[in-house]
Every structure is written in structure tokens, then in C-alpha cells.
Amino acid sequence: MYATDDRDYLGFSNDIPQSADHLHLMEELKNEKLEKEAENFVPLK
């Protein structure tokens, strides 16, 4: 996994469009996963 702080690897902070897109994609994937888990959730009786 890449460093979460962009400065670690390119010397400027969060000025890299790809990393923002990547974070956005990761966020969407995480949300989709959570939605699927919520759909499949069966409360214990």
C-alpha cells in the first residue's frame, strides 16, 4: 500500500490528481462493500 501522505513520496502535499482519484475510488469501493454487507445482514434472533 502507498504512503497515505503524498509528501512522503513526491515532495508536495496532495497536489497529485491521480492520488485524489485513487482515494475516491477506494472510498467508493469501500462504500459498495459496506452496502453489500448491509444487504446481507441478518440480525440474530
N, C-alpha and C. Protein backbone atom coordinates (compact mmCIF):
# COMPACT_ATOMS: atom_id res chain seq x y z
N MET A 1 0.86 -1.20 0.00
CA MET A 1 0.00 0.00 0.00
C MET A 1 0.89 1.24 0.00
N TYR A 2 0.46 2.27 -0.67
CA TYR A 2 1.24 3.50 -0.72
C TYR A 2 1.12 4.27 0.59
N ALA A 3 2.12 5.12 0.81
CA ALA A 3 2.03 6.00 1.98
C ALA A 3 0.79 6.87 1.83
N THR A 4 0.11 7.11 2.94
CA THR A 4 -1.11 7.91 2.84
C THR A 4 -0.79 9.38 2.65
N ASP A 5 0.39 9.78 3.08
CA ASP A 5 0.78 11.18 2.93
C ASP A 5 1.59 11.34 1.65
N ASP A 6 1.05 12.07 0.68
CA ASP A 6 1.71 12.20 -0.62
C ASP A 6 3.08 12.84 -0.52
N ARG A 7 3.30 13.68 0.48
CA ARG A 7 4.59 14.33 0.62
C ARG A 7 5.70 13.31 0.78
N ASP A 8 5.35 12.18 1.40
CA ASP A 8 6.36 11.14 1.60
C ASP A 8 6.97 10.72 0.29
N TYR A 9 6.20 10.80 -0.79
CA TYR A 9 6.77 10.24 -1.99
C TYR A 9 7.00 11.19 -3.13
N LEU A 10 6.48 12.38 -3.07
CA LEU A 10 6.76 13.29 -4.18
C LEU A 10 7.16 14.69 -3.76
N GLY A 11 7.16 14.98 -2.49
CA GLY A 11 7.67 16.27 -2.05
C GLY A 11 6.65 17.39 -2.08
N PHE A 12 5.44 17.16 -2.58
CA PHE A 12 4.42 18.17 -2.37
C PHE A 12 3.18 17.52 -1.81
N SER A 13 2.33 18.33 -1.18
CA SER A 13 1.24 17.72 -0.43
C SER A 13 -0.05 17.74 -1.23
N ASN A 14 -0.58 16.55 -1.47
CA ASN A 14 -1.90 16.37 -2.06
C ASN A 14 -2.11 17.17 -3.34
N ASP A 15 -1.05 17.33 -4.10
CA ASP A 15 -1.15 18.12 -5.33
C ASP A 15 -1.15 17.19 -6.53
N ILE A 16 -1.58 15.95 -6.31
CA ILE A 16 -1.46 14.94 -7.35
C ILE A 16 -2.84 14.41 -7.69
N PRO A 17 -3.37 14.76 -8.85
CA PRO A 17 -4.73 14.37 -9.20
C PRO A 17 -4.96 12.87 -9.11
N GLN A 18 -3.98 12.06 -9.58
CA GLN A 18 -4.18 10.62 -9.56
C GLN A 18 -4.45 10.11 -8.15
N SER A 19 -3.73 10.66 -7.18
CA SER A 19 -3.90 10.14 -5.83
C SER A 19 -5.29 10.48 -5.31
N ALA A 20 -5.80 11.65 -5.68
CA ALA A 20 -7.15 12.01 -5.26
C ALA A 20 -8.16 11.07 -5.91
N ASP A 21 -7.97 10.79 -7.20
CA ASP A 21 -8.85 9.85 -7.89
C ASP A 21 -8.78 8.48 -7.24
N HIS A 22 -7.55 8.07 -6.89
CA HIS A 22 -7.36 6.77 -6.28
C HIS A 22 -8.09 6.70 -4.94
N LEU A 23 -7.94 7.74 -4.13
CA LEU A 23 -8.62 7.77 -2.84
C LEU A 23 -10.13 7.72 -3.03
N HIS A 24 -10.61 8.46 -4.02
CA HIS A 24 -12.04 8.49 -4.31
C HIS A 24 -12.54 7.09 -4.70
N LEU A 25 -11.76 6.42 -5.55
CA LEU A 25 -12.12 5.06 -5.96
C LEU A 25 -12.15 4.12 -4.78
N MET A 26 -11.13 4.21 -3.93
CA MET A 26 -11.06 3.34 -2.76
C MET A 26 -12.27 3.58 -1.87
N GLU A 27 -12.63 4.85 -1.72
CA GLU A 27 -13.78 5.21 -0.90
C GLU A 27 -15.06 4.60 -1.48
N GLU A 28 -15.22 4.69 -2.80
CA GLU A 28 -16.42 4.12 -3.43
C GLU A 28 -16.47 2.61 -3.27
N LEU A 29 -15.32 1.96 -3.45
CA LEU A 29 -15.28 0.51 -3.29
C LEU A 29 -15.66 0.12 -1.87
N LYS A 30 -15.12 0.87 -0.90
CA LYS A 30 -15.41 0.58 0.50
C LYS A 30 -16.91 0.74 0.76
N ASN A 31 -17.50 1.80 0.22
CA ASN A 31 -18.93 2.04 0.41
C ASN A 31 -19.77 0.93 -0.22
N GLU A 32 -19.38 0.49 -1.42
CA GLU A 32 -20.11 -0.60 -2.07
C GLU A 32 -20.04 -1.86 -1.23
N LYS A 33 -18.85 -2.14 -0.70
CA LYS A 33 -18.67 -3.33 0.13
C LYS A 33 -19.56 -3.24 1.36
N LEU A 34 -19.59 -2.07 1.99
CA LEU A 34 -20.42 -1.89 3.18
C LEU A 34 -21.90 -2.05 2.85
N GLU A 35 -22.31 -1.53 1.69
CA GLU A 35 -23.72 -1.67 1.28
C GLU A 35 -24.08 -3.14 1.08
N LYS A 36 -23.18 -3.89 0.42
CA LYS A 36 -23.43 -5.32 0.21
C LYS A 36 -23.54 -6.03 1.54
N GLU A 37 -22.63 -5.72 2.46
CA GLU A 37 -22.67 -6.36 3.77
C GLU A 37 -23.97 -6.02 4.48
N ALA A 38 -24.42 -4.79 4.34
CA ALA A 38 -25.66 -4.37 5.00
C ALA A 38 -26.86 -5.13 4.40
N GLU A 39 -26.85 -5.33 3.08
CA GLU A 39 -27.94 -6.07 2.43
C GLU A 39 -27.99 -7.51 2.92
N ASN A 40 -26.81 -8.09 3.14
CA ASN A 40 -26.76 -9.49 3.54
C ASN A 40 -26.86 -9.68 5.04
N PHE A 41 -26.98 -8.60 5.76
CA PHE A 41 -27.01 -8.67 7.22
C PHE A 41 -28.32 -9.28 7.71
N VAL A 42 -28.20 -10.31 8.53
CA VAL A 42 -29.39 -10.92 9.13
C VAL A 42 -29.23 -10.82 10.64
N PRO A 43 -30.10 -10.07 11.29
CA PRO A 43 -29.98 -9.94 12.75
C PRO A 43 -30.15 -11.29 13.43
N LEU A 44 -29.36 -11.51 14.45
CA LEU A 44 -29.50 -12.76 15.21
C LEU A 44 -30.78 -12.69 16.04
N LYS A 45 -31.49 -13.81 16.06
CA LYS A 45 -32.74 -13.80 16.82
C LYS A 45 -32.50 -14.30 18.23
